[in-house]
C-alpha atoms as a PDB file:
ATOM      1  CA  UNK A   1       0.000   0.000   0.000  1.00  0.00           C
ATOM      2  CA  UNK A   2       2.730   2.529   0.860  1.00  0.00           C
ATOM      3  CA  UNK A   3       4.377   1.901  -2.532  1.00  0.00           C
ATOM      4  CA  UNK A   4       2.000   4.434  -4.102  1.00  0.00           C
ATOM      5  CA  UNK A   5       3.027   7.093  -1.636  1.00  0.00           C
ATOM      6  CA  UNK A   6       6.729   6.687  -2.359  1.00  0.00           C
ATOM      7  CA  UNK A   7       6.050   6.882  -6.097  1.00  0.00           C
ATOM      8  CA  UNK A   8       4.317  10.206  -5.623  1.00  0.00           C
ATOM      9  CA  UNK A   9       7.282  11.440  -3.596  1.00  0.00           C
ATOM     10  CA  UNK A  10       9.659  10.426  -6.395  1.00  0.00           C
ATOM     11  CA  UNK A  11       7.612  12.289  -9.003  1.00  0.00           C
ATOM     12  CA  UNK A  12       7.450  15.387  -6.804  1.00  0.00           C
ATOM     13  CA  UNK A  13      11.201  15.247  -6.165  1.00  0.00           C
ATOM     14  CA  UNK A  14      11.968  14.826  -9.865  1.00  0.00           C
ATOM     15  CA  UNK A  15       9.806  17.805 -10.802  1.00  0.00           C
ATOM     16  CA  UNK A  16      11.605  20.068  -8.362  1.00  0.00           C
ATOM     17  CA  UNK A  17      15.015  19.192  -9.824  1.00  0.00           C
ATOM     18  CA  UNK A  18      13.772  19.526 -13.412  1.00  0.00           C
ATOM     19  CA  UNK A  19      12.308  22.983 -12.727  1.00  0.00           C
ATOM     20  CA  UNK A  20      14.630  24.759 -10.340  1.00  0.00           C
ATOM     21  CA  UNK A  21      12.912  28.134 -10.911  1.00  0.00           C
ATOM     22  CA  UNK A  22       9.423  29.410 -11.582  1.00  0.00           C
ATOM     23  CA  UNK A  23       8.456  30.178 -15.192  1.00  0.00           C
ATOM     24  CA  UNK A  24      11.119  28.103 -16.930  1.00  0.00           C
ATOM     25  CA  UNK A  25      11.565  24.619 -18.336  1.00  0.00           C
ATOM     26  CA  UNK A  26      14.285  22.592 -20.003  1.00  0.00           C
ATOM     27  CA  UNK A  27      14.086  21.431 -23.600  1.00  0.00           C
ATOM     28  CA  UNK A  28      15.078  17.868 -24.477  1.00  0.00           C
ATOM     29  CA  UNK A  29      18.340  19.100 -25.993  1.00  0.00           C
ATOM     30  CA  UNK A  30      19.395  21.048 -22.890  1.00  0.00           C
ATOM     31  CA  UNK A  31      18.345  24.647 -23.557  1.00  0.00           C
ATOM     32  CA  UNK A  32      16.305  26.474 -20.923  1.00  0.00           C
ATOM     33  CA  UNK A  33      13.238  28.405 -22.039  1.00  0.00           C
ATOM     34  CA  UNK A  34      11.090  30.977 -20.285  1.00  0.00           C
ATOM     35  CA  UNK A  35       7.527  32.096 -20.861  1.00  0.00           C
ATOM     36  CA  UNK A  36       4.801  33.782 -18.853  1.00  0.00           C
ATOM     37  CA  UNK A  37       1.029  33.914 -19.078  1.00  0.00           C
ATOM     38  CA  UNK A  38      -0.464  37.341 -19.698  1.00  0.00           C
ATOM     39  CA  UNK A  39      -2.779  38.509 -16.911  1.00  0.00           C
ATOM     40  CA  UNK A  40      -6.463  37.886 -17.595  1.00  0.00           C
ATOM     41  CA  UNK A  41      -5.660  36.168 -20.913  1.00  0.00           C
ATOM     42  CA  UNK A  42      -5.012  32.650 -22.088  1.00  0.00           C
ATOM     43  CA  UNK A  43      -2.041  33.701 -24.187  1.00  0.00           C
ATOM     44  CA  UNK A  44       1.588  33.448 -23.163  1.00  0.00           C
ATOM     45  CA  UNK A  45       4.516  35.737 -23.778  1.00  0.00           C
ATOM     46  CA  UNK A  46       7.577  33.885 -25.079  1.00  0.00           C
ATOM     47  CA  UNK A  47      10.651  35.172 -23.249  1.00  0.00           C
ATOM     48  CA  UNK A  48      13.366  33.268 -25.063  1.00  0.00           C
ATOM     49  CA  UNK A  49      15.712  30.318 -24.987  1.00  0.00           C
ATOM     50  CA  UNK A  50      18.859  30.369 -22.847  1.00  0.00           C
ATOM     51  CA  UNK A  51      21.847  28.158 -22.108  1.00  0.00           C
ATOM     52  CA  UNK A  52      21.474  28.437 -18.327  1.00  0.00           C
ATOM     53  CA  UNK A  53      18.526  28.072 -15.970  1.00  0.00           C
ATOM     54  CA  UNK A  54      19.547  31.247 -14.158  1.00  0.00           C
ATOM     55  CA  UNK A  55      19.379  33.314 -17.357  1.00  0.00           C
ATOM     56  CA  UNK A  56      15.900  31.989 -18.137  1.00  0.00           C
ATOM     57  CA  UNK A  57      14.766  32.639 -14.562  1.00  0.00           C
ATOM     58  CA  UNK A  58      16.103  36.212 -14.657  1.00  0.00           C
ATOM     59  CA  UNK A  59      14.238  36.819 -17.934  1.00  0.00           C
ATOM     60  CA  UNK A  60      11.081  35.499 -16.268  1.00  0.00           C
ATOM     61  CA  UNK A  61      11.660  37.747 -13.236  1.00  0.00           C
ATOM     62  CA  UNK A  62      11.948  40.793 -15.485  1.00  0.00           C
ATOM     63  CA  UNK A  63       8.704  39.975 -17.278  1.00  0.00           C
ATOM     64  CA  UNK A  64       6.737  39.174 -14.123  1.00  0.00           C
ATOM     65  CA  UNK A  65       7.967  42.390 -12.524  1.00  0.00           C
ATOM     66  CA  UNK A  66       6.745  44.425 -15.507  1.00  0.00           C
ATOM     67  CA  UNK A  67       3.402  42.599 -15.516  1.00  0.00           C
ATOM     68  CA  UNK A  68       2.658  42.497 -11.789  1.00  0.00           C
ATOM     69  CA  UNK A  69       4.777  45.244 -10.237  1.00  0.00           C
ATOM     70  CA  UNK A  70       6.842  45.229  -7.059  1.00  0.00           C
ATOM     71  CA  UNK A  71       4.571  42.685  -5.349  1.00  0.00           C
ATOM     72  CA  UNK A  72       5.437  39.981  -7.923  1.00  0.00           C
ATOM     73  CA  UNK A  73       6.870  36.689  -6.656  1.00  0.00           C
ATOM     74  CA  UNK A  74      10.366  36.553  -8.114  1.00  0.00           C
ATOM     75  CA  UNK A  75      13.011  33.851  -8.386  1.00  0.00           C
ATOM     76  CA  UNK A  76      15.712  36.366  -7.430  1.00  0.00           C
ATOM     77  CA  UNK A  77      14.005  39.173  -5.489  1.00  0.00           C
ATOM     78  CA  UNK A  78      17.318  40.700  -4.424  1.00  0.00           C
ATOM     79  CA  UNK A  79      18.590  40.982  -8.009  1.00  0.00           C
ATOM     80  CA  UNK A  80      15.748  42.867  -9.666  1.00  0.00           C
ATOM     81  CA  UNK A  81      17.183  46.127 -10.907  1.00  0.00           C
ATOM     82  CA  UNK A  82      15.195  49.321 -10.623  1.00  0.00           C
ATOM     83  CA  UNK A  83      13.401  49.382 -13.942  1.00  0.00           C
ATOM     84  CA  UNK A  84      12.555  52.606 -15.665  1.00  0.00           C
ATOM     85  CA  UNK A  85       9.268  53.476 -17.249  1.00  0.00           C
ATOM     86  CA  UNK A  86       5.709  52.571 -16.420  1.00  0.00           C
ATOM     87  CA  UNK A  87       5.037  49.039 -15.276  1.00  0.00           C
ATOM     88  CA  UNK A  88       1.465  48.427 -16.391  1.00  0.00           C
ATOM     89  CA  UNK A  89       1.285  49.912 -19.878  1.00  0.00           C
ATOM     90  CA  UNK A  90       3.884  47.779 -21.673  1.00  0.00           C
ATOM     91  CA  UNK A  91       2.954  45.635 -24.639  1.00  0.00           C
ATOM     92  CA  UNK A  92       3.829  41.944 -24.856  1.00  0.00           C
ATOM     93  CA  UNK A  93       6.524  42.794 -27.401  1.00  0.00           C
ATOM     94  CA  UNK A  94       8.129  45.352 -25.064  1.00  0.00           C
ATOM     95  CA  UNK A  95       8.095  42.912 -22.166  1.00  0.00           C
ATOM     96  CA  UNK A  96       9.589  40.186 -24.382  1.00  0.00           C
ATOM     97  CA  UNK A  97      12.370  42.534 -25.517  1.00  0.00           C
ATOM     98  CA  UNK A  98      13.288  43.677 -21.988  1.00  0.00           C
ATOM     99  CA  UNK A  99      13.246  40.114 -20.635  1.00  0.00           C
ATOM    100  CA  UNK A 100      15.393  38.871 -23.534  1.00  0.00           C
ATOM    101  CA  UNK A 101      17.941  41.626 -22.900  1.00  0.00           C
ATOM    102  CA  UNK A 102      18.296  40.609 -19.250  1.00  0.00           C
ATOM    103  CA  UNK A 103      18.466  36.898 -20.069  1.00  0.00           C
ATOM    104  CA  UNK A 104      21.085  37.448 -22.780  1.00  0.00           C
ATOM    105  CA  UNK A 105      23.189  39.548 -20.408  1.00  0.00           C
ATOM    106  CA  UNK A 106      23.111  36.809 -17.745  1.00  0.00           C
ATOM    107  CA  UNK A 107      23.896  34.108 -20.344  1.00  0.00           C
ATOM    108  CA  UNK A 108      26.846  36.148 -21.645  1.00  0.00           C
ATOM    109  CA  UNK A 109      28.217  36.621 -18.128  1.00  0.00           C
ATOM    110  CA  UNK A 110      27.933  32.878 -17.455  1.00  0.00           C
ATOM    111  CA  UNK A 111      29.439  31.945 -20.837  1.00  0.00           C
ATOM    112  CA  UNK A 112      32.150  34.491 -21.747  1.00  0.00           C
ATOM    113  CA  UNK A 113      33.595  32.124 -24.367  1.00  0.00           C
ATOM    114  CA  UNK A 114      30.451  32.542 -26.487  1.00  0.00           C
ATOM    115  CA  UNK A 115      31.288  36.232 -26.983  1.00  0.00           C
ATOM    116  CA  UNK A 116      34.704  35.533 -28.497  1.00  0.00           C
ATOM    117  CA  UNK A 117      34.678  35.078 -32.255  1.00  0.00           C
ATOM    118  CA  UNK A 118      37.699  33.157 -33.474  1.00  0.00           C
END
């Protein structure tokens, strides 16, 4: 009887390690992707594909901050930079662009070899 309980614990444990941060997931080939659901809509905003989970999570944090303001639940609350401009009147394209900029910056810092062109 308790075999079912341990199976559920294994599934729960596996999910936590597969998704270390909110708003991201790993593709089969190893890239991390981020997306967020628009408030009061069924649609999602694609935030990009990144080589590290941290970069994808930072892109998600940027987008969720723009969508929900300072009360948003962030992966890295201590690393959100003071963002300029209005928070609630951004389009999906603007949010995508700002999130991609942050994610690319974090990816570049984690992978300095990718910047060198030989």
